């Protein structure tokens, strides 16, 4: 499992560790890991000896890490030039080490191509701002970044891309777009949450010895295959369809009958022992999935279920309002999606004794919070936490990085690492709702059901697309392949 910690937590851990280490030892550990990562990247493109590396350095410790790493590369035969984004200001010890190793130092105003290199560069290292940076890059730094980005060579960020917010993943102005980020001691939330995560590229965590100093509970966590495999509900020898879980689906309308089919598809592929469908799309559902149990409604009369999914394609008429109200009055877990979210009353959800899971996209989240969609997209972490608190629910905020939060204190927000842009297609959210609902019915806790559902959903989309356009039904049909991936 990947875990991420706040800036304050990482700094406290570093301070505790530094009291037991020689002065500068922690920076040398970070620089050694950074240099090794850069050398590996250079070897993939040719070799370290004779390569040409530009360090973009600020005046703080982040720049120091880059300078000491540059000195190590210079000693291995690389040509290294450090560009100070603030003229005359850079980490003194790192600067001395680079010069002693044969590197050069210049100021950001001197951005003409390096004459003796013929303008050729193999690697750019971003060491401008560290985890304490706030807001976007200053204009002078942004100009230097733009100049070297135009060379089209790989960019490696030191700890996190300069200009992004470490704790929130927000990008408030100009920021570096890295091909890889080498981070030290622990992941930072901004490396896992968009829009910042999209700028971080491939992530490499360098162990500098912080593990024992970090608290047991992180700010964020991202499940990996082994974590998901341990949560998958696999039927035992004595299982029958009812023990495996029965999920009820209230979805679809005369205008959107396909939403019912897709939600049922996700539920069946997600391992439900049986699916009870309630709504006007019964004919379309049975045509696609004859094993579905259908009922005219209301949901409370459809038969026993272990969880309900309500909302996909439901519309906003009287029948939809009554269906949402009927489902929320039950004493089993309920997942609310799509049209159901527009019909929610926060007080009703907060008063429920059984768990509730909400699965909005950014636009729906914005409506629930009464803010602009752009505010949610810029501050996804704050939005998902606010929703979980307001509704006393588990919230799965869909998007380029899907986030799962609960209203339980001291519980990390979960980040799904398997998402793909091919999921931005009509109906894919309906599939996710059915899939997650089936996991709720199988007995997974709401946070686990949402996390596993998002993980499988992302993997299924990758299987279905194979780099080409994909439809929502294709994603549903590929859930089995995703399940096998996780268990392999």
Protein backbone atom coordinates (compact mmCIF):
# COMPACT_ATOMS: atom_id res chain seq x y z
CA UNK A 1 0.00 0.00 0.00
CA UNK A 2 1.25 3.47 -0.83
CA UNK A 3 0.80 5.96 1.98
CA UNK A 4 1.15 9.74 1.89
CA UNK A 5 1.82 12.16 4.73
CA UNK A 6 1.32 15.89 5.16
CA UNK A 7 4.18 18.38 4.98
CA UNK A 8 4.04 19.05 8.73
CA UNK A 9 4.20 15.33 9.49
CA UNK A 10 7.15 14.76 7.15
CA UNK A 11 9.03 17.73 8.56
CA UNK A 12 8.49 16.56 12.14
CA UNK A 13 9.78 13.10 11.19
CA UNK A 14 12.83 14.61 9.50
CA UNK A 15 13.60 16.75 12.54
CA UNK A 16 13.32 13.77 14.86
CA UNK A 17 15.65 11.72 12.67
CA UNK A 18 18.21 14.52 12.19
CA UNK A 19 18.79 14.73 15.95
CA UNK A 20 20.35 11.26 15.73
CA UNK A 21 22.36 11.74 12.54
CA UNK A 22 25.48 13.71 11.63
CA UNK A 23 24.80 17.15 10.19
CA UNK A 24 23.85 16.96 6.51
CA UNK A 25 23.43 13.17 6.50
CA UNK A 26 19.74 13.32 5.58
CA UNK A 27 20.39 15.57 2.58
CA UNK A 28 23.18 13.25 1.43
CA UNK A 29 20.82 10.28 1.59
CA UNK A 30 18.28 12.14 -0.52
CA UNK A 31 20.95 13.27 -3.00
CA UNK A 32 22.30 9.75 -3.36
CA UNK A 33 18.85 8.40 -4.19
CA UNK A 34 18.17 11.24 -6.61
CA UNK A 35 21.51 10.77 -8.37
CA UNK A 36 20.89 7.02 -8.73
CA UNK A 37 17.46 7.67 -10.27
CA UNK A 38 18.87 10.23 -12.70
CA UNK A 39 21.73 7.91 -13.66
CA UNK A 40 19.25 5.12 -14.37
CA UNK A 41 17.22 7.43 -16.61
CA UNK A 42 20.35 8.58 -18.44
CA UNK A 43 21.47 4.98 -19.00
CA UNK A 44 18.16 4.19 -20.65
CA UNK A 45 18.82 6.96 -23.17
CA UNK A 46 22.50 6.12 -23.64
CA UNK A 47 24.97 6.48 -20.77
CA UNK A 48 25.86 8.64 -17.77
CA UNK A 49 29.41 9.46 -18.90
CA UNK A 50 29.29 12.31 -21.39
CA UNK A 51 25.63 13.10 -20.78
CA UNK A 52 24.50 16.70 -20.26
CA UNK A 53 22.40 17.60 -17.24
CA UNK A 54 20.84 20.92 -16.25
CA UNK A 55 19.81 21.51 -12.64
CA UNK A 56 17.17 24.18 -12.01
CA UNK A 57 17.80 25.15 -8.40
CA UNK A 58 16.13 27.36 -5.86
CA UNK A 59 17.76 28.77 -2.75
CA UNK A 60 16.51 26.16 -0.28
CA UNK A 61 17.17 22.55 0.64
CA UNK A 62 15.35 21.26 -2.44
CA UNK A 63 18.00 22.97 -4.53
CA UNK A 64 20.65 21.53 -2.22
CA UNK A 65 19.41 18.01 -2.92
CA UNK A 66 19.70 18.70 -6.66
CA UNK A 67 23.18 20.23 -6.36
CA UNK A 68 24.62 17.36 -4.32
CA UNK A 69 23.05 14.87 -6.74
CA UNK A 70 24.53 16.86 -9.62
CA UNK A 71 27.96 16.61 -8.00
CA UNK A 72 27.63 12.83 -7.89
CA UNK A 73 26.68 12.75 -11.58
CA UNK A 74 29.57 15.05 -12.46
CA UNK A 75 31.99 12.70 -10.72
CA UNK A 76 30.69 9.94 -12.99
CA UNK A 77 31.57 11.96 -16.08
CA UNK A 78 28.35 13.84 -16.77
CA UNK A 79 28.45 17.49 -17.76
CA UNK A 80 26.37 19.30 -15.16
CA UNK A 81 25.27 22.94 -15.09
CA UNK A 82 23.19 24.39 -12.27
CA UNK A 83 20.90 27.29 -13.15
CA UNK A 84 20.00 29.45 -10.15
CA UNK A 85 16.46 30.74 -10.62
CA UNK A 86 17.20 33.51 -8.13
CA UNK A 87 20.50 35.05 -9.31
CA UNK A 88 23.33 34.51 -6.86
CA UNK A 89 21.23 32.42 -4.48
CA UNK A 90 21.60 28.67 -4.02
CA UNK A 91 22.47 26.16 -1.28
CA UNK A 92 26.10 27.00 -0.36
CA UNK A 93 27.28 23.51 0.45
CA UNK A 94 25.64 21.98 -2.61
CA UNK A 95 27.08 24.68 -4.86
CA UNK A 96 30.58 24.09 -3.52
CA UNK A 97 30.23 20.32 -4.00
CA UNK A 98 29.11 20.73 -7.61
CA UNK A 99 31.94 23.13 -8.47
CA UNK A 100 34.48 20.83 -6.81
CA UNK A 101 33.21 17.93 -8.94
CA UNK A 102 33.69 19.91 -12.16
CA UNK A 103 30.17 21.24 -12.60
CA UNK A 104 29.26 24.81 -13.45
CA UNK A 105 26.85 27.35 -12.00
CA UNK A 106 25.00 30.11 -13.86
CA UNK A 107 22.06 32.41 -13.16
CA UNK A 108 18.58 32.20 -14.63
CA UNK A 109 19.05 35.33 -16.69
CA UNK A 110 21.76 33.55 -18.66
CA UNK A 111 19.38 31.24 -20.52
CA UNK A 112 21.12 31.21 -23.90
CA UNK A 113 21.92 27.67 -25.07
CA UNK A 114 25.14 26.28 -23.58
CA UNK A 115 27.54 27.02 -26.38
CA UNK A 116 29.95 24.21 -25.80
CA UNK A 117 27.07 21.71 -25.71
CA UNK A 118 25.64 22.98 -28.98
CA UNK A 119 22.35 23.47 -27.13
CA UNK A 120 22.04 19.70 -26.53
CA UNK A 121 20.71 18.57 -23.13
CA UNK A 122 19.90 15.02 -21.96
CA UNK A 123 18.13 15.67 -18.65
CA UNK A 124 16.62 18.54 -16.65
CA UNK A 125 16.33 18.28 -12.85
CA UNK A 126 13.74 20.45 -11.12
CA UNK A 127 15.02 21.51 -7.70
CA UNK A 128 13.35 24.92 -7.52
CA UNK A 129 10.91 24.64 -4.61
CA UNK A 130 10.36 21.95 -2.02
CA UNK A 131 7.41 20.69 -0.05
CA UNK A 132 7.02 24.08 1.62
CA UNK A 133 6.29 25.91 -1.64
CA UNK A 134 2.99 27.80 -1.83
CA UNK A 135 1.23 29.00 -4.95
CA UNK A 136 2.58 28.71 -8.45
CA UNK A 137 6.08 29.52 -9.63
CA UNK A 138 7.20 33.12 -9.56
CA UNK A 139 7.52 34.70 -13.03
CA UNK A 140 11.31 34.48 -13.14
CA UNK A 141 11.25 30.81 -12.20
CA UNK A 142 8.44 30.08 -14.65
CA UNK A 143 10.49 31.68 -17.44
CA UNK A 144 13.48 29.47 -16.69
CA UNK A 145 11.28 26.35 -16.60
CA UNK A 146 9.63 27.27 -19.89
CA UNK A 147 13.02 27.78 -21.54
CA UNK A 148 14.36 24.37 -20.58
CA UNK A 149 11.05 22.55 -21.11
CA UNK A 150 11.31 23.63 -24.75
CA UNK A 151 14.30 21.30 -25.17
CA UNK A 152 11.87 18.36 -25.02
CA UNK A 153 14.08 16.22 -22.76
CA UNK A 154 13.03 14.25 -19.66
CA UNK A 155 12.39 16.31 -16.52
CA UNK A 156 12.95 14.83 -13.07
CA UNK A 157 11.34 16.64 -10.13
CA UNK A 158 13.02 16.65 -6.72
CA UNK A 159 10.51 15.58 -4.05
CA UNK A 160 7.56 17.04 -6.02
CA UNK A 161 7.11 19.22 -9.12
CA UNK A 162 7.79 22.86 -8.26
CA UNK A 163 4.66 24.98 -8.18
CA UNK A 164 2.21 22.32 -6.96
CA UNK A 165 0.72 22.15 -3.47
CA UNK A 166 2.19 19.22 -1.55
CA UNK A 167 -0.70 18.78 0.89
CA UNK A 168 -3.68 19.22 -1.44
CA UNK A 169 -2.67 18.43 -5.00
CA UNK A 170 -3.80 21.90 -6.09
CA UNK A 171 -2.01 23.83 -8.83
CA UNK A 172 -2.53 27.54 -8.27
CA UNK A 173 -0.34 28.89 -11.08
CA UNK A 174 2.63 27.97 -13.25
CA UNK A 175 4.16 24.62 -12.30
CA UNK A 176 6.68 22.12 -13.56
CA UNK A 177 5.43 19.16 -15.57
CA UNK A 178 7.78 16.27 -14.76
CA UNK A 179 8.31 12.93 -16.45
CA UNK A 180 9.35 11.44 -13.11
CA UNK A 181 9.40 12.56 -9.50
CA UNK A 182 11.91 11.28 -6.95
CA UNK A 183 10.41 11.83 -3.50
CA UNK A 184 12.08 11.27 -0.15
CA UNK A 185 10.98 9.44 2.98
CA UNK A 186 7.25 9.35 2.22
CA UNK A 187 4.82 10.18 -0.55
CA UNK A 188 3.12 13.55 -0.26
CA UNK A 189 -0.63 13.87 -0.95
CA UNK A 190 -0.06 16.10 -3.97
CA UNK A 191 1.83 13.29 -5.70
CA UNK A 192 -1.28 11.09 -5.62
CA UNK A 193 -4.10 13.60 -6.21
CA UNK A 194 -4.84 15.49 -9.41
CA UNK A 195 -4.30 18.03 -10.78
CA UNK A 196 -0.81 17.91 -9.22
CA UNK A 197 -0.40 14.14 -9.65
CA UNK A 198 -0.81 14.49 -13.40
CA UNK A 199 2.31 16.68 -13.37
CA UNK A 200 4.43 14.28 -11.32
CA UNK A 201 4.97 11.54 -13.89
CA UNK A 202 6.38 8.21 -12.67
CA UNK A 203 6.97 8.14 -8.92
CA UNK A 204 10.05 6.80 -7.12
CA UNK A 205 10.21 6.76 -3.32
CA UNK A 206 13.71 6.97 -1.83
CA UNK A 207 14.00 5.53 1.68
CA UNK A 208 15.94 8.00 3.83
CA UNK A 209 15.07 6.34 7.14
CA UNK A 210 11.86 8.16 8.10
CA UNK A 211 9.75 5.03 8.53
CA UNK A 212 10.08 4.72 12.30
CA UNK A 213 9.36 8.43 12.78
CA UNK A 214 6.10 8.52 10.79
CA UNK A 215 2.72 7.98 12.52
CA UNK A 216 0.70 4.84 11.92
CA UNK A 217 -2.17 6.73 10.25
CA UNK A 218 -1.30 8.59 7.02
CA UNK A 219 -3.22 11.35 5.28
CA UNK A 220 -3.82 9.29 2.15
CA UNK A 221 -3.41 5.69 1.07
CA UNK A 222 -3.57 3.92 -2.28
CA UNK A 223 -4.39 0.21 -2.39
CA UNK A 224 -2.13 -2.00 -4.49
CA UNK A 225 -3.01 -5.39 -6.03
CA UNK A 226 -2.23 -7.37 -2.87
CA UNK A 227 -4.41 -5.09 -0.74
CA UNK A 228 -7.34 -5.43 -3.12
CA UNK A 229 -6.88 -9.20 -3.42
CA UNK A 230 -7.15 -9.52 0.37
CA UNK A 231 -10.52 -7.73 0.27
CA UNK A 232 -12.12 -9.54 -2.67
CA UNK A 233 -15.21 -11.53 -1.59
CA UNK A 234 -14.52 -15.04 -2.88
CA UNK A 235 -17.34 -17.57 -2.36
CA UNK A 236 -16.64 -20.53 -0.09
CA UNK A 237 -17.63 -24.13 -0.83
CA UNK A 238 -20.88 -23.80 1.12
CA UNK A 239 -21.89 -20.46 -0.43
CA UNK A 240 -25.17 -20.05 -2.25
CA UNK A 241 -26.52 -17.07 -4.18
CA UNK A 242 -28.01 -15.50 -1.08
CA UNK A 243 -24.88 -15.88 1.05
CA UNK A 244 -22.87 -14.27 -1.74
CA UNK A 245 -25.07 -11.22 -1.51
CA UNK A 246 -28.18 -9.91 -3.22
CA UNK A 247 -28.01 -6.36 -4.50
CA UNK A 248 -31.00 -4.29 -5.49
CA UNK A 249 -30.73 -1.90 -8.45
CA UNK A 250 -33.14 1.01 -8.88
CA UNK A 251 -32.11 2.62 -12.14
CA UNK A 252 -33.18 3.57 -15.62
CA UNK A 253 -36.16 5.38 -17.08
CA UNK A 254 -38.02 5.58 -20.35
CA UNK A 255 -35.40 8.08 -21.49
CA UNK A 256 -32.37 6.19 -20.12
CA UNK A 257 -33.11 2.44 -20.17
CA UNK A 258 -29.44 1.70 -20.85
CA UNK A 259 -28.45 2.96 -17.40
CA UNK A 260 -30.40 0.08 -15.89
CA UNK A 261 -28.65 -2.47 -18.11
CA UNK A 262 -25.20 -1.08 -17.33
CA UNK A 263 -25.75 -0.92 -13.57
CA UNK A 264 -27.04 -4.50 -13.55
CA UNK A 265 -24.08 -5.56 -15.70
CA UNK A 266 -21.64 -4.10 -13.20
CA UNK A 267 -23.42 -5.80 -10.30
CA UNK A 268 -23.44 -9.23 -11.95
CA UNK A 269 -19.80 -8.96 -13.05
CA UNK A 270 -18.89 -7.79 -9.54
CA UNK A 271 -19.79 -11.11 -8.00
CA UNK A 272 -23.31 -10.58 -6.68
CA UNK A 273 -25.11 -13.83 -5.98
CA UNK A 274 -28.28 -12.29 -7.36
CA UNK A 275 -29.51 -8.93 -8.62
CA UNK A 276 -33.00 -7.58 -8.02
CA UNK A 277 -33.95 -4.88 -10.49
CA UNK A 278 -36.71 -2.33 -9.85
CA UNK A 279 -37.68 0.18 -12.51
CA UNK A 280 -39.13 0.72 -15.97
CA UNK A 281 -36.19 -0.89 -17.77
CA UNK A 282 -37.07 -4.49 -16.91
CA UNK A 283 -37.54 -5.55 -20.52
CA UNK A 284 -34.13 -4.24 -21.57
CA UNK A 285 -32.47 -5.72 -18.48
CA UNK A 286 -33.97 -9.20 -18.99
CA UNK A 287 -33.03 -9.14 -22.68
CA UNK A 288 -29.40 -8.61 -21.72
CA UNK A 289 -29.29 -10.47 -18.39
CA UNK A 290 -32.05 -13.08 -18.09
CA UNK A 291 -30.80 -14.13 -14.63
CA UNK A 292 -31.93 -10.80 -13.14
CA UNK A 293 -34.89 -10.80 -10.72
CA UNK A 294 -37.22 -7.97 -11.76
CA UNK A 295 -39.98 -6.18 -9.87
CA UNK A 296 -42.32 -3.33 -10.73
CA UNK A 297 -41.72 -1.60 -7.38
CA UNK A 298 -41.65 0.04 -4.99
CA UNK A 299 -38.17 -1.12 -3.91
CA UNK A 300 -39.31 -1.98 -0.39
CA UNK A 301 -41.67 -4.61 -1.88
CA UNK A 302 -39.11 -6.20 -4.24
CA UNK A 303 -37.70 -8.72 -1.78
CA UNK A 304 -34.76 -9.01 0.56
CA UNK A 305 -31.43 -7.47 -0.44
CA UNK A 306 -28.15 -6.85 1.38
CA UNK A 307 -27.57 -3.50 -0.35
CA UNK A 308 -29.27 -1.06 -2.71
CA UNK A 309 -28.00 1.00 -5.63
CA UNK A 310 -30.25 3.89 -6.63
CA UNK A 311 -30.01 6.70 -9.16
CA UNK A 312 -28.40 5.85 -12.52
CA UNK A 313 -30.65 7.16 -15.31
CA UNK A 314 -33.56 7.55 -12.89
CA UNK A 315 -34.66 11.03 -13.97
CA UNK A 316 -36.22 13.51 -11.56
CA UNK A 317 -39.95 12.80 -11.79
CA UNK A 318 -42.29 11.80 -8.99
CA UNK A 319 -41.46 8.10 -9.36
CA UNK A 320 -37.75 8.85 -9.02
CA UNK A 321 -38.28 10.96 -5.90
CA UNK A 322 -40.37 8.22 -4.30
CA UNK A 323 -37.86 5.51 -5.22
CA UNK A 324 -34.95 7.38 -3.65
CA UNK A 325 -36.96 8.06 -0.51
CA UNK A 326 -38.07 4.42 -0.28
CA UNK A 327 -34.51 3.10 -0.61
CA UNK A 328 -33.05 5.53 1.92
CA UNK A 329 -35.65 4.40 4.43
CA UNK A 330 -34.27 0.84 4.43
CA UNK A 331 -31.83 -0.51 7.03
CA UNK A 332 -29.23 -1.84 4.58
CA UNK A 333 -26.27 -0.08 2.91
CA UNK A 334 -27.33 2.22 0.06
CA UNK A 335 -25.24 3.58 -2.81
CA UNK A 336 -26.59 6.75 -4.42
CA UNK A 337 -25.37 7.83 -7.85
CA UNK A 338 -26.25 10.14 -10.75
CA UNK A 339 -29.87 11.36 -10.69
CA UNK A 340 -30.27 10.03 -7.16
CA UNK A 341 -27.70 12.56 -5.96
CA UNK A 342 -29.83 15.45 -7.19
CA UNK A 343 -32.75 14.18 -5.14
CA UNK A 344 -30.84 13.82 -1.87
CA UNK A 345 -31.68 15.56 1.36
CA UNK A 346 -28.59 15.87 3.57
CA UNK A 347 -30.64 15.56 6.76
CA UNK A 348 -32.22 12.30 5.59
CA UNK A 349 -28.83 10.80 4.75
CA UNK A 350 -27.28 11.94 8.02
CA UNK A 351 -30.14 10.37 9.98
CA UNK A 352 -29.70 6.92 8.44
CA UNK A 353 -28.42 4.18 10.75
CA UNK A 354 -27.17 2.02 7.88
CA UNK A 355 -24.20 3.11 5.75
CA UNK A 356 -24.59 5.38 2.72
CA UNK A 357 -22.17 5.65 -0.19
CA UNK A 358 -22.31 8.63 -2.56
CA UNK A 359 -20.54 8.46 -5.94
CA UNK A 360 -20.57 11.93 -7.56
CA UNK A 361 -18.44 13.24 -10.37
CA UNK A 362 -17.07 16.79 -10.07
CA UNK A 363 -20.21 18.48 -11.39
CA UNK A 364 -22.49 16.54 -9.03
CA UNK A 365 -20.12 17.17 -6.12
CA UNK A 366 -20.19 20.88 -6.88
CA UNK A 367 -23.99 20.91 -6.83
CA UNK A 368 -24.06 19.04 -3.51
CA UNK A 369 -21.59 21.51 -1.98
CA UNK A 370 -23.10 24.61 -3.60
CA UNK A 371 -19.84 25.65 -5.28
CA UNK A 372 -18.53 25.92 -8.83
CA UNK A 373 -17.36 22.78 -10.60
CA UNK A 374 -13.96 24.41 -11.13
CA UNK A 375 -13.54 24.70 -7.37
CA UNK A 376 -14.06 20.96 -6.93
CA UNK A 377 -11.70 20.08 -9.77
CA UNK A 378 -8.99 22.36 -8.39
CA UNK A 379 -9.37 21.10 -4.80
CA UNK A 380 -10.52 17.49 -5.05
CA UNK A 381 -9.18 16.46 -1.65
CA UNK A 382 -10.98 19.25 0.18
CA UNK A 383 -14.19 18.53 -1.75
CA UNK A 384 -14.36 14.81 -0.98
CA UNK A 385 -13.68 15.45 2.71
CA UNK A 386 -16.33 18.17 2.86
CA UNK A 387 -18.94 15.92 1.27
CA UNK A 388 -18.19 13.03 3.63
CA UNK A 389 -18.58 15.34 6.61
CA UNK A 390 -21.73 17.07 5.34
CA UNK A 391 -23.61 13.84 4.60
CA UNK A 392 -21.99 11.56 7.21
CA UNK A 393 -21.37 9.16 4.38
CA UNK A 394 -18.66 7.41 2.45
CA UNK A 395 -17.99 9.47 -0.67
CA UNK A 396 -16.37 8.23 -3.86
CA UNK A 397 -15.45 11.29 -5.93
CA UNK A 398 -15.00 10.15 -9.51
CA UNK A 399 -12.43 11.70 -11.79
CA UNK A 400 -8.90 11.44 -13.09
CA UNK A 401 -7.89 10.33 -9.61
CA UNK A 402 -10.85 8.79 -7.81
CA UNK A 403 -10.91 9.61 -4.09
CA UNK A 404 -12.76 7.81 -1.30
CA UNK A 405 -13.40 9.55 2.03
CA UNK A 406 -15.45 8.78 5.12
CA UNK A 407 -16.72 10.93 7.96
CA UNK A 408 -14.82 8.81 10.50
CA UNK A 409 -12.09 10.84 12.22
CA UNK A 410 -8.44 9.89 11.63
CA UNK A 411 -9.27 7.73 8.62
CA UNK A 412 -7.06 8.24 5.55
CA UNK A 413 -8.59 9.28 2.27
CA UNK A 414 -8.04 6.55 -0.31
CA UNK A 415 -6.77 7.24 -3.82
CA UNK A 416 -7.44 4.84 -6.66
CA UNK A 417 -4.31 4.32 -8.80
CA UNK A 418 -5.89 2.40 -11.71
CA UNK A 419 -7.95 5.10 -13.41
CA UNK A 420 -7.67 5.77 -17.12
CA UNK A 421 -8.98 8.54 -19.34
CA UNK A 422 -10.89 5.93 -21.37
CA UNK A 423 -13.39 5.81 -18.50
CA UNK A 424 -14.60 9.26 -19.57
CA UNK A 425 -17.44 7.71 -21.55
CA UNK A 426 -21.20 7.66 -21.09
CA UNK A 427 -22.43 4.93 -18.76
CA UNK A 428 -19.13 3.96 -17.16
CA UNK A 429 -20.30 5.45 -13.85
CA UNK A 430 -23.41 3.26 -13.99
CA UNK A 431 -21.17 0.20 -14.25
CA UNK A 432 -19.12 1.38 -11.27
CA UNK A 433 -22.28 1.86 -9.21
CA UNK A 434 -23.49 -1.68 -9.84
CA UNK A 435 -20.04 -3.12 -9.24
CA UNK A 436 -19.60 -1.29 -5.95
CA UNK A 437 -23.14 -2.15 -4.88
CA UNK A 438 -22.43 -5.86 -5.38
CA UNK A 439 -19.38 -5.56 -3.12
CA UNK A 440 -21.51 -3.85 -0.47
CA UNK A 441 -24.02 -6.68 -0.70
CA UNK A 442 -21.20 -9.21 -0.30
CA UNK A 443 -20.40 -7.68 3.08
CA UNK A 444 -17.49 -5.33 2.41
CA UNK A 445 -17.38 -2.20 4.51
CA UNK A 446 -18.44 0.89 2.52
CA UNK A 447 -14.90 2.30 2.31
CA UNK A 448 -13.52 -1.06 1.16
CA UNK A 449 -16.34 -1.65 -1.31
CA UNK A 450 -15.79 1.76 -2.89
CA UNK A 451 -12.02 1.26 -3.01
CA UNK A 452 -12.16 -2.22 -4.52
CA UNK A 453 -14.91 -1.18 -6.95
CA UNK A 454 -12.87 1.78 -8.22
CA UNK A 455 -9.74 -0.37 -8.52
CA UNK A 456 -11.46 -3.12 -10.53
CA UNK A 457 -13.32 -0.56 -12.63
CA UNK A 458 -10.06 1.12 -13.67
CA UNK A 459 -8.36 -2.19 -14.47
CA UNK A 460 -11.37 -3.32 -16.49
CA UNK A 461 -11.25 -0.15 -18.58
CA UNK A 462 -7.58 -0.77 -19.33
CA UNK A 463 -8.36 -4.32 -20.43
CA UNK A 464 -11.30 -3.19 -22.54
CA UNK A 465 -9.58 -0.28 -24.24
CA UNK A 466 -6.11 -1.65 -24.95
CA UNK A 467 -5.29 1.90 -26.02
CA UNK A 468 -8.39 2.34 -28.16
CA UNK A 469 -11.85 3.86 -27.52
CA UNK A 470 -14.06 1.84 -25.19
CA UNK A 471 -17.79 1.71 -24.38
CA UNK A 472 -19.27 1.28 -20.91
CA UNK A 473 -20.59 -2.22 -21.63
CA UNK A 474 -17.07 -3.23 -22.68
CA UNK A 475 -15.83 -2.10 -19.28
CA UNK A 476 -18.48 -4.19 -17.54
CA UNK A 477 -17.58 -7.23 -19.62
CA UNK A 478 -13.90 -6.84 -18.69
CA UNK A 479 -14.43 -6.80 -14.91
CA UNK A 480 -13.76 -10.54 -14.77
CA UNK A 481 -10.35 -10.02 -16.37
CA UNK A 482 -9.60 -7.28 -13.83
CA UNK A 483 -10.61 -9.63 -11.02
CA UNK A 484 -8.17 -12.26 -12.36
CA UNK A 485 -5.39 -9.67 -12.55
CA UNK A 486 -5.78 -8.81 -8.89
CA UNK A 487 -5.83 -12.43 -7.76
CA UNK A 488 -2.93 -13.55 -9.97
